[in-house]
Amino acid sequence: MKTFSLFFLLISTFAFSQSSDELQIKASINSLFDGMKTSDSTKITNAFSKTAVLQTIAKNGEVKNENIKDFAVSISKAVKGSLDERITFSNILIDGNLASVWTPYEFYYQGKFSHCGVNSFQLVKTNNEWKIQYIIDTRRNDNCKK
């Protein structure tokens, strides 16, 4: 019985332990998507560093840039709850004040599936806060897990 209890304790600790930085990084990224879902431009803007870059890769491979403030304003005009990007944290790498995060996602508009892809985030830790410095994403309608 002692062996089982020790084994269970070790597995539980391993399975549920996340560093404080990992939790803060997830919270920063989730804040962006909460802002999108609630059409809150301030919440969206606050998730980013002052010099952040937002890009997407089109189907033809072209990389398109988007201004963060313009993005936030356009999202703020959406009906609250109509934009729902559902992400999964698949990989978080941290070295000092730099983090790289990979999040596959599914995007729903007004409750209906729109597209899927992957977000690649780079975050920086300044003033004890993790901020999004860079996002690039893919968007597709095929090979999506719905």
Protein backbone atom coordinates (compact mmCIF):
# COMPACT_ATOMS: atom_id res chain seq x y z
CA MET A 1 0.00 0.00 0.00
CA LYS A 2 2.86 2.40 0.77
CA THR A 3 4.37 1.76 -2.66
CA PHE A 4 1.05 2.52 -4.35
CA SER A 5 0.63 5.75 -2.34
CA LEU A 6 4.16 6.90 -3.16
CA PHE A 7 3.68 6.05 -6.83
CA PHE A 8 0.38 7.96 -6.93
CA LEU A 9 1.94 10.97 -5.21
CA LEU A 10 4.83 11.08 -7.68
CA ILE A 11 2.56 10.73 -10.71
CA SER A 12 0.18 13.41 -9.38
CA THR A 13 3.01 15.82 -8.71
CA PHE A 14 4.51 15.27 -12.16
CA ALA A 15 1.19 15.49 -13.98
CA PHE A 16 -0.03 18.64 -12.29
CA SER A 17 3.13 20.60 -11.70
CA GLN A 18 3.69 23.61 -13.88
CA SER A 19 6.13 26.38 -13.28
CA SER A 20 4.90 29.82 -12.27
CA ASP A 21 6.22 31.13 -15.60
CA GLU A 22 4.24 28.54 -17.57
CA LEU A 23 1.06 29.50 -15.74
CA GLN A 24 1.70 33.21 -16.33
CA ILE A 25 2.45 32.60 -20.01
CA LYS A 26 -0.80 30.67 -20.44
CA ALA A 27 -2.68 33.44 -18.63
CA SER A 28 -1.22 36.10 -20.95
CA ILE A 29 -2.18 34.16 -24.06
CA ASN A 30 -5.62 33.28 -22.67
CA SER A 31 -6.15 36.97 -21.91
CA LEU A 32 -5.79 37.74 -25.62
CA PHE A 33 -8.43 35.17 -26.54
CA ASP A 34 -10.72 36.26 -23.70
CA GLY A 35 -10.44 39.79 -25.08
CA MET A 36 -11.38 38.53 -28.52
CA LYS A 37 -14.37 36.61 -27.18
CA THR A 38 -15.62 39.60 -25.18
CA SER A 39 -14.75 42.17 -27.91
CA ASP A 40 -12.53 44.01 -25.43
CA SER A 41 -9.90 46.00 -27.34
CA THR A 42 -8.11 47.07 -24.14
CA LYS A 43 -7.67 43.46 -23.00
CA ILE A 44 -6.37 42.53 -26.44
CA THR A 45 -3.91 45.42 -26.59
CA ASN A 46 -2.68 44.78 -23.02
CA ALA A 47 -1.72 41.21 -23.91
CA PHE A 48 0.97 42.55 -26.29
CA SER A 49 4.29 44.30 -25.74
CA LYS A 50 4.59 47.83 -27.12
CA THR A 51 6.65 46.64 -30.12
CA ALA A 52 4.71 43.45 -30.88
CA VAL A 53 4.29 41.99 -34.36
CA LEU A 54 1.19 40.16 -35.61
CA GLN A 55 1.37 38.12 -38.82
CA THR A 56 -0.51 35.40 -40.64
CA ILE A 57 0.54 33.04 -43.39
CA ALA A 58 -1.92 32.96 -46.30
CA LYS A 59 -2.70 29.75 -48.19
CA ASN A 60 -0.34 30.80 -50.98
CA GLY A 61 2.50 31.18 -48.45
CA GLU A 62 2.45 34.98 -48.40
CA VAL A 63 3.09 36.49 -44.96
CA LYS A 64 0.67 39.27 -44.11
CA ASN A 65 1.30 41.85 -41.39
CA GLU A 66 -1.44 43.27 -39.22
CA ASN A 67 -1.28 46.32 -36.97
CA ILE A 68 -2.08 45.37 -33.34
CA LYS A 69 -4.22 48.47 -32.67
CA ASP A 70 -6.17 48.01 -35.92
CA PHE A 71 -6.69 44.34 -35.03
CA ALA A 72 -7.96 45.25 -31.55
CA VAL A 73 -10.34 47.88 -32.93
CA SER A 74 -11.74 45.48 -35.55
CA ILE A 75 -12.30 42.79 -32.90
CA SER A 76 -13.99 45.32 -30.58
CA LYS A 77 -16.65 45.87 -33.26
CA ALA A 78 -17.65 42.19 -33.30
CA VAL A 79 -20.71 41.04 -31.41
CA LYS A 80 -19.62 39.85 -27.96
CA GLY A 81 -19.23 36.09 -27.94
CA SER A 82 -19.23 35.75 -31.72
CA LEU A 83 -15.45 35.15 -31.98
CA ASP A 84 -14.26 31.99 -30.26
CA GLU A 85 -10.72 30.73 -30.84
CA ARG A 86 -10.21 27.47 -28.97
CA ILE A 87 -6.54 26.73 -28.38
CA THR A 88 -4.52 23.86 -27.02
CA PHE A 89 -1.14 24.45 -25.44
CA SER A 90 1.04 21.80 -27.02
CA ASN A 91 4.53 23.14 -26.30
CA ILE A 92 5.95 25.85 -24.05
CA LEU A 93 9.69 26.50 -24.08
CA ILE A 94 11.26 29.03 -21.72
CA ASP A 95 14.78 30.44 -21.48
CA GLY A 96 15.10 33.32 -19.05
CA ASN A 97 12.86 36.15 -20.27
CA LEU A 98 11.96 34.49 -23.58
CA ALA A 99 9.21 31.96 -24.19
CA SER A 100 8.09 30.16 -27.33
CA VAL A 101 4.58 28.69 -27.38
CA TRP A 102 2.85 26.51 -30.00
CA THR A 103 -0.96 26.40 -29.88
CA PRO A 104 -3.07 24.50 -32.40
CA TYR A 105 -6.54 26.07 -32.60
CA GLU A 106 -10.04 25.88 -33.99
CA PHE A 107 -11.87 29.12 -34.75
CA TYR A 108 -15.63 29.50 -34.45
CA TYR A 109 -17.65 32.46 -35.67
CA GLN A 110 -21.13 32.85 -34.20
CA GLY A 111 -20.95 29.29 -32.92
CA LYS A 112 -20.08 27.76 -36.30
CA PHE A 113 -16.70 26.31 -37.22
CA SER A 114 -14.75 28.64 -39.51
CA HIS A 115 -11.14 27.40 -39.76
CA CYS A 116 -8.22 25.90 -37.87
CA GLY A 117 -4.46 26.26 -37.75
CA VAL A 118 -1.57 26.87 -35.40
CA ASN A 119 -0.44 29.97 -33.53
CA SER A 120 3.27 30.39 -32.86
CA PHE A 121 3.90 32.87 -30.04
CA GLN A 122 7.07 34.50 -28.80
CA LEU A 123 6.67 36.13 -25.40
CA VAL A 124 9.02 38.34 -23.41
CA LYS A 125 9.07 38.88 -19.67
CA THR A 126 9.43 42.53 -18.72
CA ASN A 127 8.63 44.11 -15.36
CA ASN A 128 7.74 40.61 -14.11
CA GLU A 129 4.99 40.23 -16.74
CA TRP A 130 4.85 37.97 -19.79
CA LYS A 131 3.75 39.90 -22.89
CA ILE A 132 3.22 38.67 -26.43
CA GLN A 133 6.02 39.98 -28.65
CA TYR A 134 5.24 38.07 -31.81
CA ILE A 135 2.48 35.92 -33.25
CA ILE A 136 2.39 34.21 -36.58
CA ASP A 137 -0.39 31.80 -37.48
CA THR A 138 -1.63 29.49 -40.17
CA ARG A 139 -5.24 29.26 -41.31
CA ARG A 140 -6.87 26.42 -43.16
CA ASN A 141 -10.21 24.68 -43.64
CA ASP A 142 -8.90 21.17 -44.27
CA ASN A 143 -7.32 18.61 -41.92
CA CYS A 144 -9.05 20.19 -38.94
CA LYS A 145 -10.01 18.25 -35.85
CA LYS A 146 -13.55 19.29 -35.00
